[in-house]
Every structure is written in structure tokens, then in C-alpha cells.
Amino acid sequence: MTPFIDLHTHSTCSDGLLTPTGLLNLAARRGLAAIALTDHDTVTGLAEALIQSTVTGVEVITGIEISSDLDGASLHILGYGFDHKHPELLAFVARLQEARRNRNQGIIDRLQSLGIAISNEELSQIAGEQIGRPHFARLLTQKRLVKNTQDAFSRYLKRGAPAYVEHDKPRAEEVIRQISAANGLAVLAHPLYLDPSFEKIPALVAQLSSYGLAGLEAIYPTHSQKVCRFLQKLAAQHGLLLSGGTDYHGDKHSVTPLGGNSKTIRVPYQLLQEIKQRMAANALVSR
């Protein structure tokens, strides 16, 4: 039987619903061979995930998902296989966390100016280690100030809404450099989100490739077969790897189950083998 993997997942260390241990246990129940834990702007869950990997037998690839800026465009970059204890990377992640805290305080201030009482303490009870807009949405829903999390985003939290605060993001070039310096590979997450028409993606990928981008996330729940083929062709043109994952946040917030299924997507283990081969080749060059 072909082993399957999931290289895009989130835990309670960012905006997922399962702890790293819970995520690994679910991956084992679903028969996955490997997952990458790619929490937003943090590596705090990786140590726990790696320990639980030895218990479950599910391989864990170190990962992260970092929000970045490219000439005014917002994009997400996944990092794979890096040294999660690398001092320069940890200092960089600390900067990302400070930017997130500043943004969260801005959102709190705007909500309070709208007459909505909300505090960091309340958010922390929901979020745990890292607070993000999904946690604001959950708290607003709990307070019955909105119908559901989608309503919270529409009324208050999405771009252009009264409580929206822009995220102070690092440049894409710096993100790729930081991941590469920690012996990892940088991969562009869900490229279709950037431009559903595909028109701008080739030039954008060419620019990112010049910075050291290593791959594209081609297999993704909202990517049709046509999109996947387009990204595969584009990756081949630039010598880029392919990746794939469900962007799993927890059953309540993920239409696609962890690892996907025959009705949604499946990510073959072969993609991870190719990622590992590139990492090994890079390691030889850097010696």
C-alpha cells in the first residue's frame, strides 16, 4: 500500500485545535507515514512532536509557516527540515512573535474602541501559547457577539473590517534566507491564493527562486488537478521540489481530514523522499 503523508499541519502552538501529541496520535490512527508540523511563526511545538514521533512511529519533519511580504503582496512560506534549535532562526522567530503581540494589542484596542470588552487574559485561555485572529473570532463567538467565527471575521477581523490591523511581516527574501541558513528548505504555500488567475504566479515564482526558494506546495485541498499540473510544470522549469498537505487545523476547522482521503487529496511519500534527497545534497555542499 502506498504510504501517504501530510506536510502542512497546525497545532495548539499556533491556531490548531490539537496539541502536537494529539496531532501525532491522530496521524497514527489515520495510517500516515509522516507529517510536518508547520505552525504559524513558531517552532515551540516541534520538540513535543518529535518525542511523540518515537511513540507513534509517525515520522515528523520539522516545519514552520511564516507570513511574509513580497513587494506589497502577502504570501506564506513553509520551512521544512531545518534545525529547530538554530540560534539565528530562534532569534528571527522571536521577532515574529513580538510583531504578533503588537498586532494583537492593536486588535484589542480597536475592539475596545467599538465598545467590545476583550482582554489578553481571555484570549490566552482559548489560545494557549500564541494568539491569532482565529482566537479573537472564537472569543467573540463565545461572548455571543457574533454568530460564528466566519461572522466574526466578516464583521470585525478581515482586511478592511473595523478591528483589522495589518500584520508587520518580514520580507520573503529574508524568510527564505533564515530557513536556508538553518539548513532547511523554503516552499511557497498554496500559491493559488496569491493569484487565482495564474497570471502573476510565474513571475513571482521566478523572483522567489532567485532568493533560494526550494519548492512549491502543489497538492492542496483547493487546488484542482489543473492547478496541480500548472504548478508541477512551473516547478520543473525552475528545478523546484513539490510539496503537499491539508493545512489541517482540527476537525471543526478543516473540511479536509488530516492526510486527506480518496475524495479530497492524497500526498505520496515520494515527495518527502525527494525533499530529503535535496536536503542531503545541500548538506554535502555546505560541508
C-alpha atoms as a PDB file:
ATOM      1  CA  MET A   1       0.000   0.000   0.000  1.00  0.00           C
ATOM      2  CA  THR A   2       1.290   3.452  -0.915  1.00  0.00           C
ATOM      3  CA  PRO A   3       2.251   5.401   2.223  1.00  0.00           C
ATOM      4  CA  PHE A   4       0.760   8.879   2.493  1.00  0.00           C
ATOM      5  CA  ILE A   5       1.954  11.988   4.301  1.00  0.00           C
ATOM      6  CA  ASP A   6       0.759  15.465   5.285  1.00  0.00           C
ATOM      7  CA  LEU A   7       3.297  18.294   5.097  1.00  0.00           C
ATOM      8  CA  HIS A   8       1.040  21.159   6.212  1.00  0.00           C
ATOM      9  CA  THR A   9      -0.484  20.893   9.704  1.00  0.00           C
ATOM     10  CA  HIS A  10      -1.115  23.133  12.708  1.00  0.00           C
ATOM     11  CA  SER A  11      -1.334  22.523  16.446  1.00  0.00           C
ATOM     12  CA  THR A  12      -2.399  24.432  19.549  1.00  0.00           C
ATOM     13  CA  CYS A  13       1.023  26.095  19.448  1.00  0.00           C
ATOM     14  CA  SER A  14      -0.489  28.370  16.784  1.00  0.00           C
ATOM     15  CA  ASP A  15      -4.122  28.185  15.643  1.00  0.00           C
ATOM     16  CA  GLY A  16      -4.825  24.447  15.543  1.00  0.00           C
ATOM     17  CA  LEU A  17      -7.155  22.580  17.880  1.00  0.00           C
ATOM     18  CA  LEU A  18      -4.940  19.574  18.687  1.00  0.00           C
ATOM     19  CA  THR A  19      -1.738  19.534  20.691  1.00  0.00           C
ATOM     20  CA  PRO A  20       1.360  18.228  18.874  1.00  0.00           C
ATOM     21  CA  THR A  21       0.860  14.937  20.739  1.00  0.00           C
ATOM     22  CA  GLY A  22      -2.801  14.803  19.738  1.00  0.00           C
ATOM     23  CA  LEU A  23      -1.870  15.538  16.133  1.00  0.00           C
ATOM     24  CA  LEU A  24       0.677  12.691  16.050  1.00  0.00           C
ATOM     25  CA  ASN A  25      -1.789  10.285  17.646  1.00  0.00           C
ATOM     26  CA  LEU A  26      -4.391  11.168  15.008  1.00  0.00           C
ATOM     27  CA  ALA A  27      -1.808  10.758  12.240  1.00  0.00           C
ATOM     28  CA  ALA A  28      -1.037   7.275  13.552  1.00  0.00           C
ATOM     29  CA  ARG A  29      -4.732   6.349  13.644  1.00  0.00           C
ATOM     30  CA  ARG A  30      -5.089   7.547  10.070  1.00  0.00           C
ATOM     31  CA  GLY A  31      -2.140   5.448   8.979  1.00  0.00           C
ATOM     32  CA  LEU A  32       0.091   8.315   7.841  1.00  0.00           C
ATOM     33  CA  ALA A  33       3.780   7.638   7.369  1.00  0.00           C
ATOM     34  CA  ALA A  34       4.902  11.204   8.134  1.00  0.00           C
ATOM     35  CA  ILE A  35       3.737  14.725   8.872  1.00  0.00           C
ATOM     36  CA  ALA A  36       5.343  18.144   9.048  1.00  0.00           C
ATOM     37  CA  LEU A  37       4.206  20.363  11.900  1.00  0.00           C
ATOM     38  CA  THR A  38       4.057  23.822  10.315  1.00  0.00           C
ATOM     39  CA  ASP A  39       2.691  26.148  12.976  1.00  0.00           C
ATOM     40  CA  HIS A  40       2.465  29.851  12.168  1.00  0.00           C
ATOM     41  CA  ASP A  41       5.618  31.800  13.042  1.00  0.00           C
ATOM     42  CA  THR A  42       6.671  29.420  15.835  1.00  0.00           C
ATOM     43  CA  VAL A  43       8.687  26.253  16.442  1.00  0.00           C
ATOM     44  CA  THR A  44       7.577  25.659  20.032  1.00  0.00           C
ATOM     45  CA  GLY A  45       5.606  22.501  19.216  1.00  0.00           C
ATOM     46  CA  LEU A  46       8.396  20.691  17.410  1.00  0.00           C
ATOM     47  CA  ALA A  47      10.157  19.235  20.459  1.00  0.00           C
ATOM     48  CA  GLU A  48       6.921  17.619  21.669  1.00  0.00           C
ATOM     49  CA  ALA A  49       6.084  16.384  18.178  1.00  0.00           C
ATOM     50  CA  LEU A  50       9.499  14.792  17.733  1.00  0.00           C
ATOM     51  CA  ILE A  51       9.174  12.983  21.061  1.00  0.00           C
ATOM     52  CA  GLN A  52       5.702  11.710  20.192  1.00  0.00           C
ATOM     53  CA  SER A  53       7.035  10.572  16.824  1.00  0.00           C
ATOM     54  CA  THR A  54       9.082   7.925  18.620  1.00  0.00           C
ATOM     55  CA  VAL A  55       5.931   6.732  20.396  1.00  0.00           C
ATOM     56  CA  THR A  56       3.628   6.577  17.376  1.00  0.00           C
ATOM     57  CA  GLY A  57       6.122   5.643  14.679  1.00  0.00           C
ATOM     58  CA  VAL A  58       4.888   8.522  12.520  1.00  0.00           C
ATOM     59  CA  GLU A  59       7.856  10.394  11.117  1.00  0.00           C
ATOM     60  CA  VAL A  60       7.980  14.119  11.933  1.00  0.00           C
ATOM     61  CA  ILE A  61       9.589  16.710   9.680  1.00  0.00           C
ATOM     62  CA  THR A  62      10.462  19.987  11.358  1.00  0.00           C
ATOM     63  CA  GLY A  63       8.355  22.737   9.878  1.00  0.00           C
ATOM     64  CA  ILE A  64       7.025  26.271  10.139  1.00  0.00           C
ATOM     65  CA  GLU A  65       4.708  28.555   8.155  1.00  0.00           C
ATOM     66  CA  ILE A  66       5.801  32.181   8.022  1.00  0.00           C
ATOM     67  CA  SER A  67       3.748  35.113   6.769  1.00  0.00           C
ATOM     68  CA  SER A  68       5.863  37.358   4.559  1.00  0.00           C
ATOM     69  CA  ASP A  69       5.761  40.302   2.182  1.00  0.00           C
ATOM     70  CA  LEU A  70       6.878  40.474  -1.445  1.00  0.00           C
ATOM     71  CA  ASP A  71       6.547  43.934  -2.965  1.00  0.00           C
ATOM     72  CA  GLY A  72       3.289  44.556  -1.117  1.00  0.00           C
ATOM     73  CA  ALA A  73       1.871  41.083  -1.716  1.00  0.00           C
ATOM     74  CA  SER A  74       1.248  38.872   1.312  1.00  0.00           C
ATOM     75  CA  LEU A  75       2.401  35.281   0.973  1.00  0.00           C
ATOM     76  CA  HIS A  76       3.097  32.300   3.214  1.00  0.00           C
ATOM     77  CA  ILE A  77       6.352  30.384   3.119  1.00  0.00           C
ATOM     78  CA  LEU A  78       6.735  26.905   4.573  1.00  0.00           C
ATOM     79  CA  GLY A  79      10.062  25.766   6.011  1.00  0.00           C
ATOM     80  CA  TYR A  80      10.990  22.083   6.108  1.00  0.00           C
ATOM     81  CA  GLY A  81      13.762  20.035   7.675  1.00  0.00           C
ATOM     82  CA  PHE A  82      15.598  22.871   9.399  1.00  0.00           C
ATOM     83  CA  ASP A  83      17.474  22.809  12.691  1.00  0.00           C
ATOM     84  CA  HIS A  84      14.735  23.960  15.068  1.00  0.00           C
ATOM     85  CA  LYS A  85      17.366  24.928  17.661  1.00  0.00           C
ATOM     86  CA  HIS A  86      19.369  27.110  15.273  1.00  0.00           C
ATOM     87  CA  PRO A  87      20.217  30.328  17.218  1.00  0.00           C
ATOM     88  CA  GLU A  88      19.706  32.747  14.314  1.00  0.00           C
ATOM     89  CA  LEU A  89      16.392  31.144  13.391  1.00  0.00           C
ATOM     90  CA  LEU A  90      15.187  31.298  17.003  1.00  0.00           C
ATOM     91  CA  ALA A  91      16.090  34.997  17.182  1.00  0.00           C
ATOM     92  CA  PHE A  92      14.174  35.576  13.953  1.00  0.00           C
ATOM     93  CA  VAL A  93      11.122  33.704  15.273  1.00  0.00           C
ATOM     94  CA  ALA A  94      11.263  35.811  18.461  1.00  0.00           C
ATOM     95  CA  ARG A  95      10.928  38.898  16.260  1.00  0.00           C
ATOM     96  CA  LEU A  96       7.918  37.370  14.540  1.00  0.00           C
ATOM     97  CA  GLN A  97       6.296  36.721  17.906  1.00  0.00           C
ATOM     98  CA  GLU A  98       6.856  40.308  19.019  1.00  0.00           C
ATOM     99  CA  ALA A  99       5.203  41.543  15.818  1.00  0.00           C
ATOM    100  CA  ARG A 100       2.249  39.257  16.506  1.00  0.00           C
ATOM    101  CA  ARG A 101       1.885  40.572  20.062  1.00  0.00           C
ATOM    102  CA  ASN A 102       1.890  44.152  18.789  1.00  0.00           C
ATOM    103  CA  ARG A 103      -0.762  43.316  16.224  1.00  0.00           C
ATOM    104  CA  ASN A 104      -2.931  41.562  18.805  1.00  0.00           C
ATOM    105  CA  GLN A 105      -2.805  44.579  21.098  1.00  0.00           C
ATOM    106  CA  GLY A 106      -3.858  46.740  18.162  1.00  0.00           C
ATOM    107  CA  ILE A 107      -6.863  44.496  17.523  1.00  0.00           C
ATOM    108  CA  ILE A 108      -7.800  44.592  21.213  1.00  0.00           C
ATOM    109  CA  ASP A 109      -7.588  48.393  21.198  1.00  0.00           C
ATOM    110  CA  ARG A 110      -9.811  48.640  18.123  1.00  0.00           C
ATOM    111  CA  LEU A 111     -12.399  46.238  19.511  1.00  0.00           C
ATOM    112  CA  GLN A 112     -12.471  48.143  22.797  1.00  0.00           C
ATOM    113  CA  SER A 113     -12.968  51.397  20.884  1.00  0.00           C
ATOM    114  CA  LEU A 114     -16.040  49.723  19.366  1.00  0.00           C
ATOM    115  CA  GLY A 115     -17.388  49.024  22.844  1.00  0.00           C
ATOM    116  CA  ILE A 116     -16.362  45.350  22.902  1.00  0.00           C
ATOM    117  CA  ALA A 117     -14.716  44.332  26.176  1.00  0.00           C
ATOM    118  CA  ILE A 118     -11.929  41.869  25.460  1.00  0.00           C
ATOM    119  CA  SER A 119      -8.609  41.094  27.127  1.00  0.00           C
ATOM    120  CA  ASN A 120      -5.348  39.233  26.584  1.00  0.00           C
ATOM    121  CA  GLU A 121      -6.199  37.021  29.551  1.00  0.00           C
ATOM    122  CA  GLU A 122      -9.439  35.838  27.934  1.00  0.00           C
ATOM    123  CA  LEU A 123      -7.662  35.203  24.639  1.00  0.00           C
ATOM    124  CA  SER A 124      -4.872  33.257  26.334  1.00  0.00           C
ATOM    125  CA  GLN A 125      -7.404  30.881  27.891  1.00  0.00           C
ATOM    126  CA  ILE A 126      -8.524  29.978  24.367  1.00  0.00           C
ATOM    127  CA  ALA A 127      -5.233  30.192  22.517  1.00  0.00           C
ATOM    128  CA  GLY A 128      -2.573  28.952  24.858  1.00  0.00           C
ATOM    129  CA  GLU A 129       0.880  29.836  23.592  1.00  0.00           C
ATOM    130  CA  GLN A 130       0.151  32.032  20.577  1.00  0.00           C
ATOM    131  CA  ILE A 131      -2.792  34.330  19.916  1.00  0.00           C
ATOM    132  CA  GLY A 132      -4.043  34.963  16.392  1.00  0.00           C
ATOM    133  CA  ARG A 133      -7.153  36.286  14.689  1.00  0.00           C
ATOM    134  CA  PRO A 134      -8.901  32.870  14.824  1.00  0.00           C
ATOM    135  CA  HIS A 135      -8.744  33.082  18.616  1.00  0.00           C
ATOM    136  CA  PHE A 136     -10.326  36.533  18.561  1.00  0.00           C
ATOM    137  CA  ALA A 137     -13.073  35.051  16.380  1.00  0.00           C
ATOM    138  CA  ARG A 138     -13.650  32.170  18.797  1.00  0.00           C
ATOM    139  CA  LEU A 139     -13.823  34.508  21.783  1.00  0.00           C
ATOM    140  CA  LEU A 140     -16.278  36.838  20.047  1.00  0.00           C
ATOM    141  CA  THR A 141     -18.395  33.789  19.266  1.00  0.00           C
ATOM    142  CA  GLN A 142     -18.246  32.596  22.886  1.00  0.00           C
ATOM    143  CA  LYS A 143     -19.355  36.033  24.021  1.00  0.00           C
ATOM    144  CA  ARG A 144     -22.288  35.739  21.592  1.00  0.00           C
ATOM    145  CA  LEU A 145     -21.298  38.983  19.920  1.00  0.00           C
ATOM    146  CA  VAL A 146     -21.256  37.229  16.550  1.00  0.00           C
ATOM    147  CA  LYS A 147     -22.992  34.166  15.106  1.00  0.00           C
ATOM    148  CA  ASN A 148     -19.824  32.182  14.446  1.00  0.00           C
ATOM    149  CA  THR A 149     -16.141  32.611  13.608  1.00  0.00           C
ATOM    150  CA  GLN A 150     -16.892  33.385   9.969  1.00  0.00           C
ATOM    151  CA  ASP A 151     -19.240  36.159  11.077  1.00  0.00           C
ATOM    152  CA  ALA A 152     -16.507  37.495  13.390  1.00  0.00           C
ATOM    153  CA  PHE A 153     -14.090  37.804  10.501  1.00  0.00           C
ATOM    154  CA  SER A 154     -16.680  39.396   8.229  1.00  0.00           C
ATOM    155  CA  ARG A 155     -17.803  41.976  10.795  1.00  0.00           C
ATOM    156  CA  TYR A 156     -14.570  42.752  12.610  1.00  0.00           C
ATOM    157  CA  LEU A 157     -11.378  40.886  11.671  1.00  0.00           C
ATOM    158  CA  LYS A 158     -10.928  40.616   7.918  1.00  0.00           C
ATOM    159  CA  ARG A 159      -8.952  43.151   5.899  1.00  0.00           C
ATOM    160  CA  GLY A 160     -10.970  46.373   5.722  1.00  0.00           C
ATOM    161  CA  ALA A 161     -13.110  45.493   8.765  1.00  0.00           C
ATOM    162  CA  PRO A 162     -13.125  47.927  11.733  1.00  0.00           C
ATOM    163  CA  ALA A 163     -10.860  45.851  14.013  1.00  0.00           C
ATOM    164  CA  TYR A 164      -8.404  44.715  11.332  1.00  0.00           C
ATOM    165  CA  VAL A 165      -4.746  45.543  11.967  1.00  0.00           C
ATOM    166  CA  GLU A 166      -2.105  44.947   9.320  1.00  0.00           C
ATOM    167  CA  HIS A 167       0.483  42.281  10.129  1.00  0.00           C
ATOM    168  CA  ASP A 168       4.051  43.607  10.198  1.00  0.00           C
ATOM    169  CA  LYS A 169       5.604  40.858   8.073  1.00  0.00           C
ATOM    170  CA  PRO A 170       9.239  40.196   7.142  1.00  0.00           C
ATOM    171  CA  ARG A 171      10.282  40.286   3.506  1.00  0.00           C
ATOM    172  CA  ALA A 172      10.059  36.994   1.649  1.00  0.00           C
ATOM    173  CA  GLU A 173      13.762  37.165   0.797  1.00  0.00           C
ATOM    174  CA  GLU A 174      14.655  37.282   4.498  1.00  0.00           C
ATOM    175  CA  VAL A 175      12.329  34.393   5.355  1.00  0.00           C
ATOM    176  CA  ILE A 176      13.904  32.191   2.696  1.00  0.00           C
ATOM    177  CA  ARG A 177      17.380  33.176   3.863  1.00  0.00           C
ATOM    178  CA  GLN A 178      16.590  32.359   7.503  1.00  0.00           C
ATOM    179  CA  ILE A 179      15.154  28.937   6.662  1.00  0.00           C
ATOM    180  CA  SER A 180      18.088  28.147   4.375  1.00  0.00           C
ATOM    181  CA  ALA A 181      20.642  29.293   6.984  1.00  0.00           C
ATOM    182  CA  ALA A 182      19.110  26.786   9.429  1.00  0.00           C
ATOM    183  CA  ASN A 183      19.707  24.024   6.851  1.00  0.00           C
ATOM    184  CA  GLY A 184      16.066  23.911   5.797  1.00  0.00           C
ATOM    185  CA  LEU A 185      14.126  24.199   2.556  1.00  0.00           C
ATOM    186  CA  ALA A 186      11.719  27.060   1.828  1.00  0.00           C
ATOM    187  CA  VAL A 187       8.491  26.203  -0.010  1.00  0.00           C
ATOM    188  CA  LEU A 188       5.775  28.587  -1.241  1.00  0.00           C
ATOM    189  CA  ALA A 189       2.477  27.646   0.448  1.00  0.00           C
ATOM    190  CA  HIS A 190      -0.814  27.387  -1.501  1.00  0.00           C
ATOM    191  CA  PRO A 191       0.315  29.537  -4.489  1.00  0.00           C
ATOM    192  CA  LEU A 192      -3.200  29.777  -5.904  1.00  0.00           C
ATOM    193  CA  TYR A 193      -4.185  32.058  -3.006  1.00  0.00           C
ATOM    194  CA  LEU A 194      -1.830  34.689  -4.401  1.00  0.00           C
ATOM    195  CA  ASP A 195      -3.427  34.879  -7.823  1.00  0.00           C
ATOM    196  CA  PRO A 196      -6.372  32.659  -8.839  1.00  0.00           C
ATOM    197  CA  SER A 197      -5.855  33.710 -12.473  1.00  0.00           C
ATOM    198  CA  PHE A 198      -2.294  32.259 -12.509  1.00  0.00           C
ATOM    199  CA  GLU A 199      -1.109  35.344 -14.419  1.00  0.00           C
ATOM    200  CA  LYS A 200       1.278  36.703 -11.786  1.00  0.00           C
ATOM    201  CA  ILE A 201       2.467  33.377 -10.360  1.00  0.00           C
ATOM    202  CA  PRO A 202       5.211  32.560 -12.934  1.00  0.00           C
ATOM    203  CA  ALA A 203       6.988  35.887 -12.392  1.00  0.00           C
ATOM    204  CA  LEU A 204       6.526  35.660  -8.639  1.00  0.00           C
ATOM    205  CA  VAL A 205       7.979  32.132  -8.521  1.00  0.00           C
ATOM    206  CA  ALA A 206      10.909  33.209 -10.689  1.00  0.00           C
ATOM    207  CA  GLN A 207      11.658  36.049  -8.258  1.00  0.00           C
ATOM    208  CA  LEU A 208      11.375  33.793  -5.214  1.00  0.00           C
ATOM    209  CA  SER A 209      13.573  31.188  -6.903  1.00  0.00           C
ATOM    210  CA  SER A 210      16.290  33.797  -7.288  1.00  0.00           C
ATOM    211  CA  TYR A 211      16.142  34.218  -3.486  1.00  0.00           C
ATOM    212  CA  GLY A 212      16.616  30.498  -2.919  1.00  0.00           C
ATOM    213  CA  LEU A 213      13.069  29.121  -2.860  1.00  0.00           C
ATOM    214  CA  ALA A 214      13.244  25.315  -2.943  1.00  0.00           C
ATOM    215  CA  GLY A 215       9.709  24.224  -3.754  1.00  0.00           C
ATOM    216  CA  LEU A 216       6.000  24.783  -4.360  1.00  0.00           C
ATOM    217  CA  GLU A 217       3.040  23.378  -2.445  1.00  0.00           C
ATOM    218  CA  ALA A 218       1.236  21.830  -5.400  1.00  0.00           C
ATOM    219  CA  ILE A 219      -1.100  19.372  -3.646  1.00  0.00           C
ATOM    220  CA  TYR A 220      -3.581  21.345  -1.547  1.00  0.00           C
ATOM    221  CA  PRO A 221      -7.331  20.969  -0.836  1.00  0.00           C
ATOM    222  CA  THR A 222      -8.383  23.932  -3.000  1.00  0.00           C
ATOM    223  CA  HIS A 223      -6.033  23.080  -5.880  1.00  0.00           C
ATOM    224  CA  SER A 224      -7.780  21.372  -8.778  1.00  0.00           C
ATOM    225  CA  GLN A 225      -5.941  18.855 -10.957  1.00  0.00           C
ATOM    226  CA  LYS A 226      -5.461  21.647 -13.489  1.00  0.00           C
ATOM    227  CA  VAL A 227      -3.834  23.861 -10.862  1.00  0.00           C
ATOM    228  CA  CYS A 228      -1.661  20.998  -9.659  1.00  0.00           C
ATOM    229  CA  ARG A 229      -0.437  20.299 -13.212  1.00  0.00           C
ATOM    230  CA  PHE A 230       0.286  24.007 -13.741  1.00  0.00           C
ATOM    231  CA  LEU A 231       2.372  24.137 -10.558  1.00  0.00           C
ATOM    232  CA  GLN A 232       4.177  20.899 -11.407  1.00  0.00           C
ATOM    233  CA  LYS A 233       5.192  22.345 -14.773  1.00  0.00           C
ATOM    234  CA  LEU A 234       6.271  25.617 -13.186  1.00  0.00           C
ATOM    235  CA  ALA A 235       8.318  23.758 -10.560  1.00  0.00           C
ATOM    236  CA  ALA A 236      10.065  21.739 -13.260  1.00  0.00           C
ATOM    237  CA  GLN A 237      11.015  24.940 -15.112  1.00  0.00           C
ATOM    238  CA  HIS A 238      12.839  26.255 -12.034  1.00  0.00           C
ATOM    239  CA  GLY A 239      14.155  22.985 -10.624  1.00  0.00           C
ATOM    240  CA  LEU A 240      11.840  23.247  -7.622  1.00  0.00           C
ATOM    241  CA  LEU A 241      10.531  20.478  -5.395  1.00  0.00           C
ATOM    242  CA  LEU A 242       6.854  19.687  -4.915  1.00  0.00           C
ATOM    243  CA  SER A 243       5.096  19.542  -1.563  1.00  0.00           C
ATOM    244  CA  GLY A 244       1.566  18.974  -0.369  1.00  0.00           C
ATOM    245  CA  GLY A 245      -0.664  18.994   2.678  1.00  0.00           C
ATOM    246  CA  THR A 246      -4.134  19.574   4.025  1.00  0.00           C
ATOM    247  CA  ASP A 247      -3.448  22.707   6.109  1.00  0.00           C
ATOM    248  CA  TYR A 248      -5.064  20.767   8.935  1.00  0.00           C
ATOM    249  CA  HIS A 249      -6.198  22.831  11.948  1.00  0.00           C
ATOM    250  CA  GLY A 250      -8.551  20.367  13.638  1.00  0.00           C
ATOM    251  CA  ASP A 251     -11.755  18.632  12.633  1.00  0.00           C
ATOM    252  CA  LYS A 252     -14.009  21.588  13.443  1.00  0.00           C
ATOM    253  CA  HIS A 253     -11.975  23.934  11.266  1.00  0.00           C
ATOM    254  CA  SER A 254     -10.767  21.630   8.485  1.00  0.00           C
ATOM    255  CA  VAL A 255     -13.026  20.342   5.737  1.00  0.00           C
ATOM    256  CA  THR A 256     -10.242  18.008   4.613  1.00  0.00           C
ATOM    257  CA  PRO A 257      -9.243  15.392   7.208  1.00  0.00           C
ATOM    258  CA  LEU A 258      -5.641  15.021   8.311  1.00  0.00           C
ATOM    259  CA  GLY A 259      -3.768  13.342   5.477  1.00  0.00           C
ATOM    260  CA  GLY A 260      -6.750  13.712   3.157  1.00  0.00           C
ATOM    261  CA  ASN A 261      -8.664  10.792   1.656  1.00  0.00           C
ATOM    262  CA  SER A 262      -9.679   9.361  -1.699  1.00  0.00           C
ATOM    263  CA  LYS A 263     -12.356  12.049  -2.095  1.00  0.00           C
ATOM    264  CA  THR A 264     -10.084  15.013  -1.388  1.00  0.00           C
ATOM    265  CA  ILE A 265      -6.293  14.845  -1.727  1.00  0.00           C
ATOM    266  CA  ARG A 266      -3.503  12.410  -1.026  1.00  0.00           C
ATOM    267  CA  VAL A 267       0.174  13.302  -0.724  1.00  0.00           C
ATOM    268  CA  PRO A 268       2.511  10.430  -1.642  1.00  0.00           C
ATOM    269  CA  TYR A 269       5.581   9.664   0.474  1.00  0.00           C
ATOM    270  CA  GLN A 270       7.700  10.035  -2.667  1.00  0.00           C
ATOM    271  CA  LEU A 271       7.519  13.828  -2.317  1.00  0.00           C
ATOM    272  CA  LEU A 272       9.120  13.603   1.109  1.00  0.00           C
ATOM    273  CA  GLN A 273      11.822  11.311  -0.254  1.00  0.00           C
ATOM    274  CA  GLU A 274      12.672  13.932  -2.870  1.00  0.00           C
ATOM    275  CA  ILE A 275      12.742  16.649  -0.206  1.00  0.00           C
ATOM    276  CA  LYS A 276      15.126  14.546   1.868  1.00  0.00           C
ATOM    277  CA  GLN A 277      17.371  13.953  -1.136  1.00  0.00           C
ATOM    278  CA  ARG A 278      17.617  17.709  -1.725  1.00  0.00           C
ATOM    279  CA  MET A 279      18.389  18.290   1.946  1.00  0.00           C
ATOM    280  CA  ALA A 280      21.129  15.660   1.851  1.00  0.00           C
ATOM    281  CA  ALA A 281      22.626  17.207  -1.281  1.00  0.00           C
ATOM    282  CA  ASN A 282      22.585  20.659   0.327  1.00  0.00           C
ATOM    283  CA  ALA A 283      24.287  19.279   3.427  1.00  0.00           C
ATOM    284  CA  LEU A 284      27.124  17.871   1.310  1.00  0.00           C
ATOM    285  CA  VAL A 285      27.609  21.191  -0.475  1.00  0.00           C
ATOM    286  CA  SER A 286      27.719  23.130   2.809  1.00  0.00           C
ATOM    287  CA  ARG A 287      30.493  20.940   4.290  1.00  0.00           C
END
